[in-house]
Amino acid sequence: MHVASSNDGDRQEKGESMSAYAGFALKLAGAGEKVRILKLRGTEEMIKRIEAMGLRRGEEIYVLQTEGAGGLLVQVGATRLALGSSLSQRIMVSKI
């Protein structure tokens, strides 16, 4: 698979339009919402870090709790994760 990079460091699979990623940042999700990951934004290193946490495109996330300015407590499968604002804004999701 070929990956293209834009000027802001975001990665996108070649041949897929940005409209395929319509959604919102995970940091905007509310407590009790269930969402699916559409896209991970950031440098290749940042995306690898997010994926190492088990947060990959297509995964379902349940938002357990929201904290102030974008921090979240989420559940992915049997794993609970605390995510800061800077990380949660890099995960684009849609409601399910």
PDB file of N, CA and C in Angstrom:
ATOM      1  N   MET A   1       0.842  -1.168   0.000  1.00  0.00           N
ATOM      2  CA  MET A   1       0.000   0.000   0.000  1.00  0.00           C
ATOM      3  C   MET A   1       0.887   1.231   0.000  1.00  0.00           C
ATOM      4  N   HIS A   2       0.554   2.205  -0.820  1.00  0.00           N
ATOM      5  CA  HIS A   2       1.305   3.456  -0.894  1.00  0.00           C
ATOM      6  C   HIS A   2       0.616   4.487  -0.014  1.00  0.00           C
ATOM      7  N   VAL A   3       1.396   5.233   0.746  1.00  0.00           N
ATOM      8  CA  VAL A   3       0.840   6.260   1.622  1.00  0.00           C
ATOM      9  C   VAL A   3       1.366   7.609   1.184  1.00  0.00           C
ATOM     10  N   ALA A   4       0.460   8.562   1.035  1.00  0.00           N
ATOM     11  CA  ALA A   4       0.826   9.922   0.654  1.00  0.00           C
ATOM     12  C   ALA A   4       0.783  10.811   1.887  1.00  0.00           C
ATOM     13  N   SER A   5       1.664  11.796   1.940  1.00  0.00           N
ATOM     14  CA  SER A   5       1.676  12.737   3.062  1.00  0.00           C
ATOM     15  C   SER A   5       1.315  14.119   2.559  1.00  0.00           C
ATOM     16  N   SER A   6       0.531  14.826   3.350  1.00  0.00           N
ATOM     17  CA  SER A   6       0.223  16.211   3.023  1.00  0.00           C
ATOM     18  C   SER A   6       1.200  17.105   3.773  1.00  0.00           C
ATOM     19  N   ASN A   7       1.150  18.409   3.542  1.00  0.00           N
ATOM     20  CA  ASN A   7       2.076  19.344   4.161  1.00  0.00           C
ATOM     21  C   ASN A   7       1.963  19.407   5.668  1.00  0.00           C
ATOM     22  N   ASP A   8       0.800  19.095   6.243  1.00  0.00           N
ATOM     23  CA  ASP A   8       0.635  19.195   7.691  1.00  0.00           C
ATOM     24  C   ASP A   8       0.994  17.908   8.413  1.00  0.00           C
ATOM     25  N   GLY A   9       1.561  16.937   7.708  1.00  0.00           N
ATOM     26  CA  GLY A   9       2.020  15.721   8.351  1.00  0.00           C
ATOM     27  C   GLY A   9       0.984  14.620   8.414  1.00  0.00           C
ATOM     28  N   ASP A  10      -0.228  14.852   7.949  1.00  0.00           N
ATOM     29  CA  ASP A  10      -1.257  13.823   7.957  1.00  0.00           C
ATOM     30  C   ASP A  10      -0.959  12.800   6.884  1.00  0.00           C
ATOM     31  N   ARG A  11      -1.282  11.529   7.166  1.00  0.00           N
ATOM     32  CA  ARG A  11      -1.113  10.474   6.173  1.00  0.00           C
ATOM     33  C   ARG A  11      -2.473  10.086   5.633  1.00  0.00           C
ATOM     34  N   GLN A  12      -2.474   9.704   4.372  1.00  0.00           N
ATOM     35  CA  GLN A  12      -3.706   9.277   3.716  1.00  0.00           C
ATOM     36  C   GLN A  12      -3.338   8.186   2.732  1.00  0.00           C
ATOM     37  N   GLU A  13      -4.136   7.113   2.704  1.00  0.00           N
ATOM     38  CA  GLU A  13      -3.871   6.059   1.755  1.00  0.00           C
ATOM     39  C   GLU A  13      -4.148   6.569   0.357  1.00  0.00           C
ATOM     40  N   LYS A  14      -3.226   6.286  -0.581  1.00  0.00           N
ATOM     41  CA  LYS A  14      -3.359   6.773  -1.950  1.00  0.00           C
ATOM     42  C   LYS A  14      -4.623   6.201  -2.575  1.00  0.00           C
ATOM     43  N   GLY A  15      -5.338   7.049  -3.307  1.00  0.00           N
ATOM     44  CA  GLY A  15      -6.549   6.602  -3.991  1.00  0.00           C
ATOM     45  C   GLY A  15      -7.802   6.803  -3.166  1.00  0.00           C
ATOM     46  N   GLU A  16      -7.665   7.236  -1.915  1.00  0.00           N
ATOM     47  CA  GLU A  16      -8.840   7.478  -1.095  1.00  0.00           C
ATOM     48  C   GLU A  16      -9.008   8.975  -0.924  1.00  0.00           C
ATOM     49  N   SER A  17     -10.205   9.456  -1.151  1.00  0.00           N
ATOM     50  CA  SER A  17     -10.455  10.889  -1.028  1.00  0.00           C
ATOM     51  C   SER A  17     -10.672  11.256   0.429  1.00  0.00           C
ATOM     52  N   MET A  18     -10.490  12.527   0.742  1.00  0.00           N
ATOM     53  CA  MET A  18     -10.726  12.996   2.103  1.00  0.00           C
ATOM     54  C   MET A  18     -12.175  12.827   2.510  1.00  0.00           C
ATOM     55  N   SER A  19     -13.112  12.817   1.555  1.00  0.00           N
ATOM     56  CA  SER A  19     -14.518  12.640   1.895  1.00  0.00           C
ATOM     57  C   SER A  19     -14.770  11.275   2.525  1.00  0.00           C
ATOM     58  N   ALA A  20     -13.881  10.312   2.262  1.00  0.00           N
ATOM     59  CA  ALA A  20     -14.015   8.991   2.873  1.00  0.00           C
ATOM     60  C   ALA A  20     -13.771   9.071   4.374  1.00  0.00           C
ATOM     61  N   TYR A  21     -13.187  10.190   4.853  1.00  0.00           N
ATOM     62  CA  TYR A  21     -12.859  10.342   6.259  1.00  0.00           C
ATOM     63  C   TYR A  21     -13.765  11.341   6.984  1.00  0.00           C
ATOM     64  N   ALA A  22     -14.896  11.708   6.406  1.00  0.00           N
ATOM     65  CA  ALA A  22     -15.793  12.657   7.054  1.00  0.00           C
ATOM     66  C   ALA A  22     -16.100  12.162   8.459  1.00  0.00           C
ATOM     67  N   GLY A  23     -15.925  12.990   9.418  1.00  0.00           N
ATOM     68  CA  GLY A  23     -16.163  12.616  10.806  1.00  0.00           C
ATOM     69  C   GLY A  23     -15.757  13.766  11.701  1.00  0.00           C
ATOM     70  N   PHE A  24     -15.407  13.442  12.932  1.00  0.00           N
ATOM     71  CA  PHE A  24     -15.006  14.465  13.887  1.00  0.00           C
ATOM     72  C   PHE A  24     -13.917  13.900  14.796  1.00  0.00           C
ATOM     73  N   ALA A  25     -13.203  14.787  15.461  1.00  0.00           N
ATOM     74  CA  ALA A  25     -12.137  14.367  16.364  1.00  0.00           C
ATOM     75  C   ALA A  25     -12.730  13.665  17.577  1.00  0.00           C
ATOM     76  N   LEU A  26     -12.081  12.604  18.016  1.00  0.00           N
ATOM     77  CA  LEU A  26     -12.540  11.843  19.177  1.00  0.00           C
ATOM     78  C   LEU A  26     -12.723  12.741  20.392  1.00  0.00           C
ATOM     79  N   LYS A  27     -11.903  13.782  20.529  1.00  0.00           N
ATOM     80  CA  LYS A  27     -11.998  14.659  21.700  1.00  0.00           C
ATOM     81  C   LYS A  27     -13.360  15.352  21.801  1.00  0.00           C
ATOM     82  N   LEU A  28     -14.127  15.366  20.703  1.00  0.00           N
ATOM     83  CA  LEU A  28     -15.452  15.998  20.713  1.00  0.00           C
ATOM     84  C   LEU A  28     -16.574  15.036  21.078  1.00  0.00           C
ATOM     85  N   ALA A  29     -16.249  13.750  21.215  1.00  0.00           N
ATOM     86  CA  ALA A  29     -17.272  12.752  21.563  1.00  0.00           C
ATOM     87  C   ALA A  29     -17.677  12.923  23.024  1.00  0.00           C
ATOM     88  N   GLY A  30     -18.926  12.597  23.303  1.00  0.00           N
ATOM     89  CA  GLY A  30     -19.435  12.706  24.657  1.00  0.00           C
ATOM     90  C   GLY A  30     -19.413  11.380  25.392  1.00  0.00           C
ATOM     91  N   ALA A  31     -19.483  11.459  26.709  1.00  0.00           N
ATOM     92  CA  ALA A  31     -19.528  10.252  27.534  1.00  0.00           C
ATOM     93  C   ALA A  31     -20.741   9.415  27.133  1.00  0.00           C
ATOM     94  N   GLY A  32     -20.536   8.108  27.015  1.00  0.00           N
ATOM     95  CA  GLY A  32     -21.623   7.204  26.647  1.00  0.00           C
ATOM     96  C   GLY A  32     -21.739   6.967  25.154  1.00  0.00           C
ATOM     97  N   GLU A  33     -20.976   7.693  24.342  1.00  0.00           N
ATOM     98  CA  GLU A  33     -21.043   7.517  22.895  1.00  0.00           C
ATOM     99  C   GLU A  33     -20.155   6.366  22.436  1.00  0.00           C
ATOM    100  N   LYS A  34     -20.613   5.667  21.412  1.00  0.00           N
ATOM    101  CA  LYS A  34     -19.834   4.617  20.775  1.00  0.00           C
ATOM    102  C   LYS A  34     -19.478   5.120  19.389  1.00  0.00           C
ATOM    103  N   VAL A  35     -18.186   5.072  19.059  1.00  0.00           N
ATOM    104  CA  VAL A  35     -17.690   5.603  17.792  1.00  0.00           C
ATOM    105  C   VAL A  35     -16.757   4.601  17.119  1.00  0.00           C
ATOM    106  N   ARG A  36     -16.527   4.803  15.829  1.00  0.00           N
ATOM    107  CA  ARG A  36     -15.602   3.969  15.049  1.00  0.00           C
ATOM    108  C   ARG A  36     -14.501   4.860  14.500  1.00  0.00           C
ATOM    109  N   ILE A  37     -13.263   4.384  14.559  1.00  0.00           N
ATOM    110  CA  ILE A  37     -12.128   5.150  14.057  1.00  0.00           C
ATOM    111  C   ILE A  37     -12.148   5.153  12.530  1.00  0.00           C
ATOM    112  N   LEU A  38     -12.107   6.349  11.955  1.00  0.00           N
ATOM    113  CA  LEU A  38     -12.075   6.519  10.508  1.00  0.00           C
ATOM    114  C   LEU A  38     -10.667   6.795  10.001  1.00  0.00           C
ATOM    115  N   LYS A  39      -9.912   7.583  10.768  1.00  0.00           N
ATOM    116  CA  LYS A  39      -8.599   8.025  10.311  1.00  0.00           C
ATOM    117  C   LYS A  39      -7.756   8.431  11.511  1.00  0.00           C
ATOM    118  N   LEU A  40      -6.457   8.204  11.395  1.00  0.00           N
ATOM    119  CA  LEU A  40      -5.499   8.689  12.383  1.00  0.00           C
ATOM    120  C   LEU A  40      -4.701   9.803  11.731  1.00  0.00           C
ATOM    121  N   ARG A  41      -4.572  10.923  12.412  1.00  0.00           N
ATOM    122  CA  ARG A  41      -3.884  12.086  11.857  1.00  0.00           C
ATOM    123  C   ARG A  41      -2.574  12.314  12.585  1.00  0.00           C
ATOM    124  N   GLY A  42      -1.563  12.720  11.845  1.00  0.00           N
ATOM    125  CA  GLY A  42      -0.288  13.056  12.444  1.00  0.00           C
ATOM    126  C   GLY A  42       0.867  12.523  11.631  1.00  0.00           C
ATOM    127  N   THR A  43       2.054  12.656  12.192  1.00  0.00           N
ATOM    128  CA  THR A  43       3.240  12.137  11.526  1.00  0.00           C
ATOM    129  C   THR A  43       3.207  10.613  11.555  1.00  0.00           C
ATOM    130  N   GLU A  44       4.047   9.992  10.753  1.00  0.00           N
ATOM    131  CA  GLU A  44       4.105   8.532  10.728  1.00  0.00           C
ATOM    132  C   GLU A  44       4.446   7.987  12.117  1.00  0.00           C
ATOM    133  N   GLU A  45       5.354   8.642  12.812  1.00  0.00           N
ATOM    134  CA  GLU A  45       5.732   8.231  14.166  1.00  0.00           C
ATOM    135  C   GLU A  45       4.547   8.319  15.130  1.00  0.00           C
ATOM    136  N   MET A  46       3.789   9.404  15.057  1.00  0.00           N
ATOM    137  CA  MET A  46       2.627   9.582  15.930  1.00  0.00           C
ATOM    138  C   MET A  46       1.572   8.518  15.646  1.00  0.00           C
ATOM    139  N   ILE A  47       1.330   8.236  14.375  1.00  0.00           N
ATOM    140  CA  ILE A  47       0.336   7.233  14.003  1.00  0.00           C
ATOM    141  C   ILE A  47       0.754   5.850  14.511  1.00  0.00           C
ATOM    142  N   LYS A  48       2.022   5.524  14.405  1.00  0.00           N
ATOM    143  CA  LYS A  48       2.513   4.242  14.928  1.00  0.00           C
ATOM    144  C   LYS A  48       2.295   4.155  16.438  1.00  0.00           C
ATOM    145  N   ARG A  49       2.507   5.266  17.130  1.00  0.00           N
ATOM    146  CA  ARG A  49       2.297   5.298  18.588  1.00  0.00           C
ATOM    147  C   ARG A  49       0.827   5.047  18.930  1.00  0.00           C
ATOM    148  N   ILE A  50      -0.067   5.686  18.190  1.00  0.00           N
ATOM    149  CA  ILE A  50      -1.504   5.501  18.421  1.00  0.00           C
ATOM    150  C   ILE A  50      -1.903   4.055  18.132  1.00  0.00           C
ATOM    151  N   GLU A  51      -1.413   3.509  17.023  1.00  0.00           N
ATOM    152  CA  GLU A  51      -1.741   2.130  16.662  1.00  0.00           C
ATOM    153  C   GLU A  51      -1.194   1.138  17.685  1.00  0.00           C
ATOM    154  N   ALA A  52      -0.036   1.428  18.285  1.00  0.00           N
ATOM    155  CA  ALA A  52       0.546   0.554  19.301  1.00  0.00           C
ATOM    156  C   ALA A  52      -0.333   0.471  20.547  1.00  0.00           C
ATOM    157  N   MET A  53      -1.191   1.463  20.733  1.00  0.00           N
ATOM    158  CA  MET A  53      -2.129   1.465  21.857  1.00  0.00           C
ATOM    159  C   MET A  53      -3.383   0.656  21.540  1.00  0.00           C
ATOM    160  N   GLY A  54      -3.463   0.121  20.321  1.00  0.00           N
ATOM    161  CA  GLY A  54      -4.630  -0.649  19.918  1.00  0.00           C
ATOM    162  C   GLY A  54      -5.696   0.173  19.236  1.00  0.00           C
ATOM    163  N   LEU A  55      -5.378   1.426  18.933  1.00  0.00           N
ATOM    164  CA  LEU A  55      -6.335   2.322  18.290  1.00  0.00           C
ATOM    165  C   LEU A  55      -6.018   2.360  16.797  1.00  0.00           C
ATOM    166  N   ARG A  56      -6.751   1.554  16.039  1.00  0.00           N
ATOM    167  CA  ARG A  56      -6.518   1.438  14.601  1.00  0.00           C
ATOM    168  C   ARG A  56      -7.804   1.744  13.843  1.00  0.00           C
ATOM    169  N   ARG A  57      -7.636   2.096  12.589  1.00  0.00           N
ATOM    170  CA  ARG A  57      -8.775   2.377  11.724  1.00  0.00           C
ATOM    171  C   ARG A  57      -9.744   1.194  11.744  1.00  0.00           C
ATOM    172  N   GLY A  58     -11.026   1.486  11.932  1.00  0.00           N
ATOM    173  CA  GLY A  58     -12.059   0.460  11.965  1.00  0.00           C
ATOM    174  C   GLY A  58     -12.424  -0.004  13.371  1.00  0.00           C
ATOM    175  N   GLU A  59     -11.578   0.264  14.369  1.00  0.00           N
ATOM    176  CA  GLU A  59     -11.850  -0.149  15.745  1.00  0.00           C
ATOM    177  C   GLU A  59     -13.012   0.656  16.325  1.00  0.00           C
ATOM    178  N   GLU A  60     -13.792  -0.005  17.174  1.00  0.00           N
ATOM    179  CA  GLU A  60     -14.876   0.672  17.885  1.00  0.00           C
ATOM    180  C   GLU A  60     -14.383   1.125  19.246  1.00  0.00           C
ATOM    181  N   ILE A  61     -14.788   2.331  19.617  1.00  0.00           N
ATOM    182  CA  ILE A  61     -14.390   2.926  20.892  1.00  0.00           C
ATOM    183  C   ILE A  61     -15.651   3.318  21.653  1.00  0.00           C
ATOM    184  N   TYR A  62     -15.676   3.010  22.945  1.00  0.00           N
ATOM    185  CA  TYR A  62     -16.758   3.451  23.809  1.00  0.00           C
ATOM    186  C   TYR A  62     -16.188   4.520  24.734  1.00  0.00           C
ATOM    187  N   VAL A  63     -16.778   5.708  24.707  1.00  0.00           N
ATOM    188  CA  VAL A  63     -16.304   6.822  25.547  1.00  0.00           C
ATOM    189  C   VAL A  63     -16.931   6.676  26.927  1.00  0.00           C
ATOM    190  N   LEU A  64     -16.092   6.398  27.919  1.00  0.00           N
ATOM    191  CA  LEU A  64     -16.565   6.195  29.283  1.00  0.00           C
ATOM    192  C   LEU A  64     -16.730   7.508  30.040  1.00  0.00           C
ATOM    193  N   GLN A  65     -15.783   8.434  29.826  1.00  0.00           N
ATOM    194  CA  GLN A  65     -15.788   9.665  30.601  1.00  0.00           C
ATOM    195  C   GLN A  65     -15.047  10.754  29.838  1.00  0.00           C
ATOM    196  N   THR A  66     -15.516  11.980  29.941  1.00  0.00           N
ATOM    197  CA  THR A  66     -14.819  13.118  29.348  1.00  0.00           C
ATOM    198  C   THR A  66     -14.223  13.956  30.463  1.00  0.00           C
ATOM    199  N   GLU A  67     -13.057  14.524  30.187  1.00  0.00           N
ATOM    200  CA  GLU A  67     -12.341  15.331  31.177  1.00  0.00           C
ATOM    201  C   GLU A  67     -12.057  16.707  30.596  1.00  0.00           C
ATOM    202  N   GLY A  68     -12.622  17.736  31.121  1.00  0.00           N
ATOM    203  CA  GLY A  68     -12.293  19.116  30.779  1.00  0.00           C
ATOM    204  C   GLY A  68     -12.023  19.401  29.313  1.00  0.00           C
ATOM    205  N   ALA A  69     -10.783  19.759  29.013  1.00  0.00           N
ATOM    206  CA  ALA A  69     -10.408  20.271  27.695  1.00  0.00           C
ATOM    207  C   ALA A  69      -9.998  19.179  26.709  1.00  0.00           C
ATOM    208  N   GLY A  70     -10.788  18.136  26.574  1.00  0.00           N
ATOM    209  CA  GLY A  70     -10.535  17.142  25.544  1.00  0.00           C
ATOM    210  C   GLY A  70      -9.970  15.827  26.017  1.00  0.00           C
ATOM    211  N   GLY A  71      -9.634  15.697  27.289  1.00  0.00           N
ATOM    212  CA  GLY A  71      -9.151  14.428  27.819  1.00  0.00           C
ATOM    213  C   GLY A  71     -10.309  13.436  27.924  1.00  0.00           C
ATOM    214  N   LEU A  72     -10.021  12.167  27.667  1.00  0.00           N
ATOM    215  CA  LEU A  72     -11.074  11.152  27.655  1.00  0.00           C
ATOM    216  C   LEU A  72     -10.623   9.872  28.335  1.00  0.00           C
ATOM    217  N   LEU A  73     -11.567   9.141  28.884  1.00  0.00           N
ATOM    218  CA  LEU A  73     -11.368   7.761  29.309  1.00  0.00           C
ATOM    219  C   LEU A  73     -12.198   6.935  28.354  1.00  0.00           C
ATOM    220  N   VAL A  74     -11.546   6.030  27.610  1.00  0.00           N
ATOM    221  CA  VAL A  74     -12.237   5.252  26.588  1.00  0.00           C
ATOM    222  C   VAL A  74     -11.996   3.766  26.805  1.00  0.00           C
ATOM    223  N   GLN A  75     -12.847   2.964  26.192  1.00  0.00           N
ATOM    224  CA  GLN A  75     -12.679   1.521  26.215  1.00  0.00           C
ATOM    225  C   GLN A  75     -12.616   1.014  24.787  1.00  0.00           C
ATOM    226  N   VAL A  76     -11.588   0.196  24.510  1.00  0.00           N
ATOM    227  CA  VAL A  76     -11.413  -0.455  23.213  1.00  0.00           C
ATOM    228  C   VAL A  76     -11.308  -1.935  23.520  1.00  0.00           C
ATOM    229  N   GLY A  77     -12.345  -2.698  23.174  1.00  0.00           N
ATOM    230  CA  GLY A  77     -12.378  -4.107  23.568  1.00  0.00           C
ATOM    231  C   GLY A  77     -12.419  -4.187  25.081  1.00  0.00           C
ATOM    232  N   ALA A  78     -11.508  -4.950  25.667  1.00  0.00           N
ATOM    233  CA  ALA A  78     -11.463  -5.092  27.122  1.00  0.00           C
ATOM    234  C   ALA A  78     -10.487  -4.107  27.766  1.00  0.00           C
ATOM    235  N   THR A  79      -9.879  -3.224  26.961  1.00  0.00           N
ATOM    236  CA  THR A  79      -8.853  -2.297  27.443  1.00  0.00           C
ATOM    237  C   THR A  79      -9.416  -0.901  27.642  1.00  0.00           C
ATOM    238  N   ARG A  80      -9.080  -0.300  28.789  1.00  0.00           N
ATOM    239  CA  ARG A  80      -9.430   1.097  29.055  1.00  0.00           C
ATOM    240  C   ARG A  80      -8.187   1.950  28.908  1.00  0.00           C
ATOM    241  N   LEU A  81      -8.361   3.105  28.262  1.00  0.00           N
ATOM    242  CA  LEU A  81      -7.250   4.020  28.020  1.00  0.00           C
ATOM    243  C   LEU A  81      -7.636   5.436  28.419  1.00  0.00           C
ATOM    244  N   ALA A  82      -6.697   6.153  29.023  1.00  0.00           N
ATOM    245  CA  ALA A  82      -6.870   7.585  29.282  1.00  0.00           C
ATOM    246  C   ALA A  82      -6.118   8.317  28.182  1.00  0.00           C
ATOM    247  N   LEU A  83      -6.805   9.178  27.467  1.00  0.00           N
ATOM    248  CA  LEU A  83      -6.211   9.909  26.345  1.00  0.00           C
ATOM    249  C   LEU A  83      -6.253  11.405  26.619  1.00  0.00           C
ATOM    250  N   GLY A  84      -5.142  12.070  26.378  1.00  0.00           N
ATOM    251  CA  GLY A  84      -5.082  13.523  26.514  1.00  0.00           C
ATOM    252  C   GLY A  84      -5.675  14.204  25.295  1.00  0.00           C
ATOM    253  N   SER A  85      -5.852  15.489  25.395  1.00  0.00           N
ATOM    254  CA  SER A  85      -6.446  16.284  24.319  1.00  0.00           C
ATOM    255  C   SER A  85      -5.637  16.211  23.031  1.00  0.00           C
ATOM    256  N   SER A  86      -4.306  16.320  23.126  1.00  0.00           N
ATOM    257  CA  SER A  86      -3.485  16.339  21.909  1.00  0.00           C
ATOM    258  C   SER A  86      -3.575  15.018  21.150  1.00  0.00           C
ATOM    259  N   LEU A  87      -3.726  13.914  21.862  1.00  0.00           N
ATOM    260  CA  LEU A  87      -3.860  12.615  21.205  1.00  0.00           C
ATOM    261  C   LEU A  87      -5.280  12.411  20.690  1.00  0.00           C
ATOM    262  N   SER A  88      -6.272  12.764  21.495  1.00  0.00           N
ATOM    263  CA  SER A  88      -7.663  12.533  21.091  1.00  0.00           C
ATOM    264  C   SER A  88      -8.097  13.409  19.910  1.00  0.00           C
ATOM    265  N   GLN A  89      -7.388  14.494  19.643  1.00  0.00           N
ATOM    266  CA  GLN A  89      -7.731  15.320  18.479  1.00  0.00           C
ATOM    267  C   GLN A  89      -7.162  14.730  17.196  1.00  0.00           C
ATOM    268  N   ARG A  90      -6.250  13.760  17.287  1.00  0.00           N
ATOM    269  CA  ARG A  90      -5.636  13.130  16.114  1.00  0.00           C
ATOM    270  C   ARG A  90      -6.403  11.911  15.632  1.00  0.00           C
ATOM    271  N   ILE A  91      -7.435  11.516  16.372  1.00  0.00           N
ATOM    272  CA  ILE A  91      -8.216  10.319  16.032  1.00  0.00           C
ATOM    273  C   ILE A  91      -9.572  10.773  15.501  1.00  0.00           C
ATOM    274  N   MET A  92      -9.785  10.579  14.213  1.00  0.00           N
ATOM    275  CA  MET A  92     -11.044  10.992  13.583  1.00  0.00           C
ATOM    276  C   MET A  92     -12.018   9.814  13.637  1.00  0.00           C
ATOM    277  N   VAL A  93     -13.249  10.095  14.066  1.00  0.00           N
ATOM    278  CA  VAL A  93     -14.243   9.052  14.303  1.00  0.00           C
ATOM    279  C   VAL A  93     -15.603   9.424  13.727  1.00  0.00           C
ATOM    280  N   SER A  94     -16.495   8.431  13.704  1.00  0.00           N
ATOM    281  CA  SER A  94     -17.908   8.678  13.391  1.00  0.00           C
ATOM    282  C   SER A  94     -18.740   7.910  14.409  1.00  0.00           C
ATOM    283  N   LYS A  95     -19.942   8.404  14.664  1.00  0.00           N
ATOM    284  CA  LYS A  95     -20.839   7.730  15.608  1.00  0.00           C
ATOM    285  C   LYS A  95     -21.355   6.430  14.993  1.00  0.00           C
ATOM    286  N   ILE A  96     -21.593   5.432  15.851  1.00  0.00           N
ATOM    287  CA  ILE A  96     -22.226   4.190  15.401  1.00  0.00           C
ATOM    288  C   ILE A  96     -23.410   3.879  16.261  1.00  0.00           C
TER     289      ILE A  96
END
